[in-house]
PDB file of N, CA and C in Angstrom:
ATOM      1  N   MET A   1     110.601 -10.262 123.722  1.00  0.00           N
ATOM      2  CA  MET A   1     110.059 -11.026 122.536  1.00  0.00           C
ATOM      3  C   MET A   1     109.714 -12.327 122.998  1.00  0.00           C
ATOM      4  N   TYR A   2     108.399 -12.693 122.803  1.00  0.00           N
ATOM      5  CA  TYR A   2     107.775 -13.968 123.282  1.00  0.00           C
ATOM      6  C   TYR A   2     107.880 -15.002 122.251  1.00  0.00           C
ATOM      7  N   ARG A   3     108.336 -16.252 122.542  1.00  0.00           N
ATOM      8  CA  ARG A   3     108.351 -17.325 121.633  1.00  0.00           C
ATOM      9  C   ARG A   3     107.392 -18.387 122.131  1.00  0.00           C
ATOM     10  N   SER A   4     106.844 -19.153 121.281  1.00  0.00           N
ATOM     11  CA  SER A   4     106.014 -20.281 121.724  1.00  0.00           C
ATOM     12  C   SER A   4     106.876 -21.346 122.242  1.00  0.00           C
ATOM     13  N   ASN A   5     106.250 -22.231 123.015  1.00  0.00           N
ATOM     14  CA  ASN A   5     106.950 -23.426 123.649  1.00  0.00           C
ATOM     15  C   ASN A   5     107.537 -24.326 122.645  1.00  0.00           C
ATOM     16  N   GLN A   6     106.865 -24.468 121.450  1.00  0.00           N
ATOM     17  CA  GLN A   6     107.403 -25.307 120.479  1.00  0.00           C
ATOM     18  C   GLN A   6     108.665 -24.821 119.835  1.00  0.00           C
ATOM     19  N   VAL A   7     108.763 -23.510 119.697  1.00  0.00           N
ATOM     20  CA  VAL A   7     110.015 -22.869 119.095  1.00  0.00           C
ATOM     21  C   VAL A   7     111.058 -23.023 120.080  1.00  0.00           C
ATOM     22  N   ASN A   8     110.865 -22.759 121.357  1.00  0.00           N
ATOM     23  CA  ASN A   8     111.768 -22.958 122.357  1.00  0.00           C
ATOM     24  C   ASN A   8     112.294 -24.470 122.454  1.00  0.00           C
ATOM     25  N   ALA A   9     111.400 -25.338 122.387  1.00  0.00           N
ATOM     26  CA  ALA A   9     111.756 -26.775 122.445  1.00  0.00           C
ATOM     27  C   ALA A   9     112.557 -27.101 121.251  1.00  0.00           C
ATOM     28  N   ALA A  10     112.324 -26.589 120.104  1.00  0.00           N
ATOM     29  CA  ALA A  10     113.132 -26.867 118.907  1.00  0.00           C
ATOM     30  C   ALA A  10     114.488 -26.331 118.921  1.00  0.00           C
ATOM     31  N   ILE A  11     114.571 -25.146 119.525  1.00  0.00           N
ATOM     32  CA  ILE A  11     115.976 -24.609 119.730  1.00  0.00           C
ATOM     33  C   ILE A  11     116.761 -25.395 120.629  1.00  0.00           C
ATOM     34  N   VAL A  12     116.184 -25.792 121.788  1.00  0.00           N
ATOM     35  CA  VAL A  12     116.910 -26.621 122.758  1.00  0.00           C
ATOM     36  C   VAL A  12     117.345 -27.992 122.064  1.00  0.00           C
ATOM     37  N   ILE A  13     116.469 -28.606 121.406  1.00  0.00           N
ATOM     38  CA  ILE A  13     116.731 -29.957 120.789  1.00  0.00           C
ATOM     39  C   ILE A  13     117.855 -29.769 119.754  1.00  0.00           C
ATOM     40  N   LEU A  14     117.743 -28.797 118.899  1.00  0.00           N
ATOM     41  CA  LEU A  14     118.859 -28.498 117.942  1.00  0.00           C
ATOM     42  C   LEU A  14     120.128 -28.280 118.512  1.00  0.00           C
ATOM     43  N   PHE A  15     120.125 -27.383 119.625  1.00  0.00           N
ATOM     44  CA  PHE A  15     121.350 -27.135 120.326  1.00  0.00           C
ATOM     45  C   PHE A  15     121.962 -28.357 120.890  1.00  0.00           C
ATOM     46  N   CYS A  16     121.169 -29.261 121.477  1.00  0.00           N
ATOM     47  CA  CYS A  16     121.641 -30.511 122.052  1.00  0.00           C
ATOM     48  C   CYS A  16     122.253 -31.420 120.934  1.00  0.00           C
ATOM     49  N   ILE A  17     121.551 -31.465 119.860  1.00  0.00           N
ATOM     50  CA  ILE A  17     122.064 -32.288 118.656  1.00  0.00           C
ATOM     51  C   ILE A  17     123.389 -31.761 118.262  1.00  0.00           C
ATOM     52  N   LEU A  18     123.539 -30.314 118.125  1.00  0.00           N
ATOM     53  CA  LEU A  18     124.778 -29.848 117.832  1.00  0.00           C
ATOM     54  C   LEU A  18     125.905 -30.094 118.716  1.00  0.00           C
ATOM     55  N   ILE A  19     125.594 -30.027 120.015  1.00  0.00           N
ATOM     56  CA  ILE A  19     126.699 -30.446 120.996  1.00  0.00           C
ATOM     57  C   ILE A  19     127.090 -31.850 120.843  1.00  0.00           C
ATOM     58  N   ILE A  20     126.117 -32.746 120.655  1.00  0.00           N
ATOM     59  CA  ILE A  20     126.478 -34.193 120.476  1.00  0.00           C
ATOM     60  C   ILE A  20     127.300 -34.346 119.235  1.00  0.00           C
ATOM     61  N   HIS A  21     127.004 -33.698 118.092  1.00  0.00           N
ATOM     62  CA  HIS A  21     127.821 -33.893 116.874  1.00  0.00           C
ATOM     63  C   HIS A  21     129.181 -33.265 117.059  1.00  0.00           C
ATOM     64  N   ILE A  22     129.292 -32.120 117.768  1.00  0.00           N
ATOM     65  CA  ILE A  22     130.659 -31.541 117.916  1.00  0.00           C
ATOM     66  C   ILE A  22     131.514 -32.546 118.807  1.00  0.00           C
ATOM     67  N   VAL A  23     130.947 -33.089 119.846  1.00  0.00           N
ATOM     68  CA  VAL A  23     131.700 -34.085 120.670  1.00  0.00           C
ATOM     69  C   VAL A  23     132.131 -35.199 119.876  1.00  0.00           C
ATOM     70  N   ARG A  24     131.148 -35.770 119.097  1.00  0.00           N
ATOM     71  CA  ARG A  24     131.460 -36.948 118.214  1.00  0.00           C
ATOM     72  C   ARG A  24     132.589 -36.669 117.225  1.00  0.00           C
ATOM     73  N   ILE A  25     132.581 -35.441 116.645  1.00  0.00           N
ATOM     74  CA  ILE A  25     133.633 -35.059 115.772  1.00  0.00           C
ATOM     75  C   ILE A  25     134.981 -34.946 116.562  1.00  0.00           C
ATOM     76  N   ILE A  26     135.028 -34.281 117.644  1.00  0.00           N
ATOM     77  CA  ILE A  26     136.258 -34.174 118.366  1.00  0.00           C
ATOM     78  C   ILE A  26     136.851 -35.627 118.750  1.00  0.00           C
ATOM     79  N   LEU A  27     135.906 -36.440 119.112  1.00  0.00           N
ATOM     80  CA  LEU A  27     136.452 -37.879 119.439  1.00  0.00           C
ATOM     81  C   LEU A  27     136.925 -38.671 118.280  1.00  0.00           C
ATOM     82  N   HIS A  28     136.407 -38.376 117.120  1.00  0.00           N
ATOM     83  CA  HIS A  28     136.738 -39.161 115.987  1.00  0.00           C
ATOM     84  C   HIS A  28     137.707 -38.498 114.984  1.00  0.00           C
ATOM     85  N   VAL A  29     138.192 -37.346 115.248  1.00  0.00           N
ATOM     86  CA  VAL A  29     139.069 -36.642 114.322  1.00  0.00           C
ATOM     87  C   VAL A  29     140.388 -37.327 114.333  1.00  0.00           C
ATOM     88  N   LYS A  30     140.983 -37.544 113.242  1.00  0.00           N
ATOM     89  CA  LYS A  30     142.276 -38.157 112.977  1.00  0.00           C
ATOM     90  C   LYS A  30     143.235 -37.061 112.505  1.00  0.00           C
ATOM     91  N   VAL A  31     144.157 -37.498 111.675  1.00  0.00           N
ATOM     92  CA  VAL A  31     145.108 -36.455 111.226  1.00  0.00           C
ATOM     93  C   VAL A  31     144.440 -35.543 110.195  1.00  0.00           C
ATOM     94  N   TYR A  32     143.651 -36.026 109.338  1.00  0.00           N
ATOM     95  CA  TYR A  32     142.993 -35.239 108.326  1.00  0.00           C
ATOM     96  C   TYR A  32     141.473 -35.139 108.640  1.00  0.00           C
ATOM     97  N   PHE A  33     141.086 -33.865 109.047  1.00  0.00           N
ATOM     98  CA  PHE A  33     139.710 -33.679 109.506  1.00  0.00           C
ATOM     99  C   PHE A  33     138.673 -34.084 108.466  1.00  0.00           C
ATOM    100  N   VAL A  34     138.761 -33.647 107.214  1.00  0.00           N
ATOM    101  CA  VAL A  34     137.713 -33.957 106.249  1.00  0.00           C
ATOM    102  C   VAL A  34     137.760 -35.417 105.865  1.00  0.00           C
ATOM    103  N   TYR A  35     138.969 -35.950 105.634  1.00  0.00           N
ATOM    104  CA  TYR A  35     139.072 -37.357 105.128  1.00  0.00           C
ATOM    105  C   TYR A  35     138.683 -38.378 106.170  1.00  0.00           C
ATOM    106  N   SER A  36     138.836 -38.112 107.454  1.00  0.00           N
ATOM    107  CA  SER A  36     138.529 -39.067 108.452  1.00  0.00           C
ATOM    108  C   SER A  36     137.070 -39.302 108.778  1.00  0.00           C
ATOM    109  N   MET A  37     136.165 -38.195 108.538  1.00  0.00           N
ATOM    110  CA  MET A  37     134.865 -38.345 108.897  1.00  0.00           C
ATOM    111  C   MET A  37     133.933 -38.049 107.731  1.00  0.00           C
ATOM    112  N   GLY A  38     134.364 -37.515 106.632  1.00  0.00           N
ATOM    113  CA  GLY A  38     133.472 -37.276 105.522  1.00  0.00           C
ATOM    114  C   GLY A  38     132.910 -35.800 105.661  1.00  0.00           C
ATOM    115  N   LEU A  39     132.172 -35.399 104.622  1.00  0.00           N
ATOM    116  CA  LEU A  39     131.569 -34.030 104.541  1.00  0.00           C
ATOM    117  C   LEU A  39     130.118 -34.140 105.163  1.00  0.00           C
ATOM    118  N   GLY A  40     129.499 -35.180 105.366  1.00  0.00           N
ATOM    119  CA  GLY A  40     128.122 -35.234 105.828  1.00  0.00           C
ATOM    120  C   GLY A  40     127.891 -34.560 107.209  1.00  0.00           C
ATOM    121  N   PRO A  41     128.753 -34.884 108.198  1.00  0.00           N
ATOM    122  CA  PRO A  41     128.516 -34.275 109.572  1.00  0.00           C
ATOM    123  C   PRO A  41     128.787 -32.712 109.468  1.00  0.00           C
ATOM    124  N   LEU A  42     129.635 -32.308 108.620  1.00  0.00           N
ATOM    125  CA  LEU A  42     129.933 -30.857 108.440  1.00  0.00           C
ATOM    126  C   LEU A  42     128.767 -30.083 107.903  1.00  0.00           C
ATOM    127  N   PHE A  43     128.074 -30.697 106.972  1.00  0.00           N
ATOM    128  CA  PHE A  43     126.810 -30.165 106.368  1.00  0.00           C
ATOM    129  C   PHE A  43     125.738 -30.173 107.389  1.00  0.00           C
ATOM    130  N   LEU A  44     125.672 -31.283 108.179  1.00  0.00           N
ATOM    131  CA  LEU A  44     124.635 -31.339 109.199  1.00  0.00           C
ATOM    132  C   LEU A  44     124.758 -30.349 110.306  1.00  0.00           C
ATOM    133  N   ILE A  45     125.972 -30.181 110.727  1.00  0.00           N
ATOM    134  CA  ILE A  45     126.271 -29.186 111.796  1.00  0.00           C
ATOM    135  C   ILE A  45     125.937 -27.664 111.211  1.00  0.00           C
ATOM    136  N   GLY A  46     126.290 -27.536 109.952  1.00  0.00           N
ATOM    137  CA  GLY A  46     125.971 -26.160 109.304  1.00  0.00           C
ATOM    138  C   GLY A  46     124.415 -25.985 109.310  1.00  0.00           C
ATOM    139  N   LEU A  47     123.754 -27.090 108.961  1.00  0.00           N
ATOM    140  CA  LEU A  47     122.226 -26.954 108.843  1.00  0.00           C
ATOM    141  C   LEU A  47     121.647 -26.726 110.227  1.00  0.00           C
ATOM    142  N   ILE A  48     122.179 -27.390 111.271  1.00  0.00           N
ATOM    143  CA  ILE A  48     121.648 -27.230 112.598  1.00  0.00           C
ATOM    144  C   ILE A  48     121.900 -25.821 113.075  1.00  0.00           C
ATOM    145  N   ILE A  49     123.063 -25.250 112.837  1.00  0.00           N
ATOM    146  CA  ILE A  49     123.428 -23.861 113.265  1.00  0.00           C
ATOM    147  C   ILE A  49     122.472 -22.932 112.521  1.00  0.00           C
ATOM    148  N   PHE A  50     122.234 -23.123 111.231  1.00  0.00           N
ATOM    149  CA  PHE A  50     121.316 -22.305 110.404  1.00  0.00           C
ATOM    150  C   PHE A  50     119.917 -22.358 110.992  1.00  0.00           C
ATOM    151  N   LEU A  51     119.420 -23.512 111.358  1.00  0.00           N
ATOM    152  CA  LEU A  51     118.074 -23.683 111.887  1.00  0.00           C
ATOM    153  C   LEU A  51     117.967 -22.990 113.289  1.00  0.00           C
ATOM    154  N   ILE A  52     119.034 -23.084 114.175  1.00  0.00           N
ATOM    155  CA  ILE A  52     118.956 -22.378 115.421  1.00  0.00           C
ATOM    156  C   ILE A  52     118.842 -20.872 115.195  1.00  0.00           C
ATOM    157  N   ILE A  53     119.706 -20.360 114.353  1.00  0.00           N
ATOM    158  CA  ILE A  53     119.769 -18.943 114.121  1.00  0.00           C
ATOM    159  C   ILE A  53     118.322 -18.565 113.471  1.00  0.00           C
ATOM    160  N   PHE A  54     117.940 -19.315 112.551  1.00  0.00           N
ATOM    161  CA  PHE A  54     116.560 -18.975 111.875  1.00  0.00           C
ATOM    162  C   PHE A  54     115.419 -18.937 112.902  1.00  0.00           C
ATOM    163  N   LEU A  55     115.359 -19.944 113.721  1.00  0.00           N
ATOM    164  CA  LEU A  55     114.276 -20.043 114.645  1.00  0.00           C
ATOM    165  C   LEU A  55     114.472 -18.905 115.824  1.00  0.00           C
ATOM    166  N   PHE A  56     115.679 -18.635 116.162  1.00  0.00           N
ATOM    167  CA  PHE A  56     115.858 -17.558 117.155  1.00  0.00           C
ATOM    168  C   PHE A  56     115.595 -16.248 116.532  1.00  0.00           C
ATOM    169  N   LEU A  57     115.825 -15.908 115.398  1.00  0.00           N
ATOM    170  CA  LEU A  57     115.555 -14.606 114.829  1.00  0.00           C
ATOM    171  C   LEU A  57     114.048 -14.529 114.497  1.00  0.00           C
ATOM    172  N   LYS A  58     113.503 -15.669 114.055  1.00  0.00           N
ATOM    173  CA  LYS A  58     112.031 -15.612 113.632  1.00  0.00           C
ATOM    174  C   LYS A  58     111.185 -15.366 114.905  1.00  0.00           C
ATOM    175  N   GLY A  59     111.568 -15.995 115.959  1.00  0.00           N
ATOM    176  CA  GLY A  59     111.026 -15.841 117.255  1.00  0.00           C
ATOM    177  C   GLY A  59     109.524 -15.847 117.287  1.00  0.00           C
TER     178      GLY A  59
END
């Protein structure tokens, strides 16, 4: 299955952003996961995972 360079670049960039957000969440988690960081980053991580899967399957 051949993908264009733009799709491959988008997958790599989204994957890097996902890793950065996961590390940031791990560093800033306090006692209560949702209360300490809010729901925004959770939605952003979900969106990034969805886009990675979408681009990977669309190929």
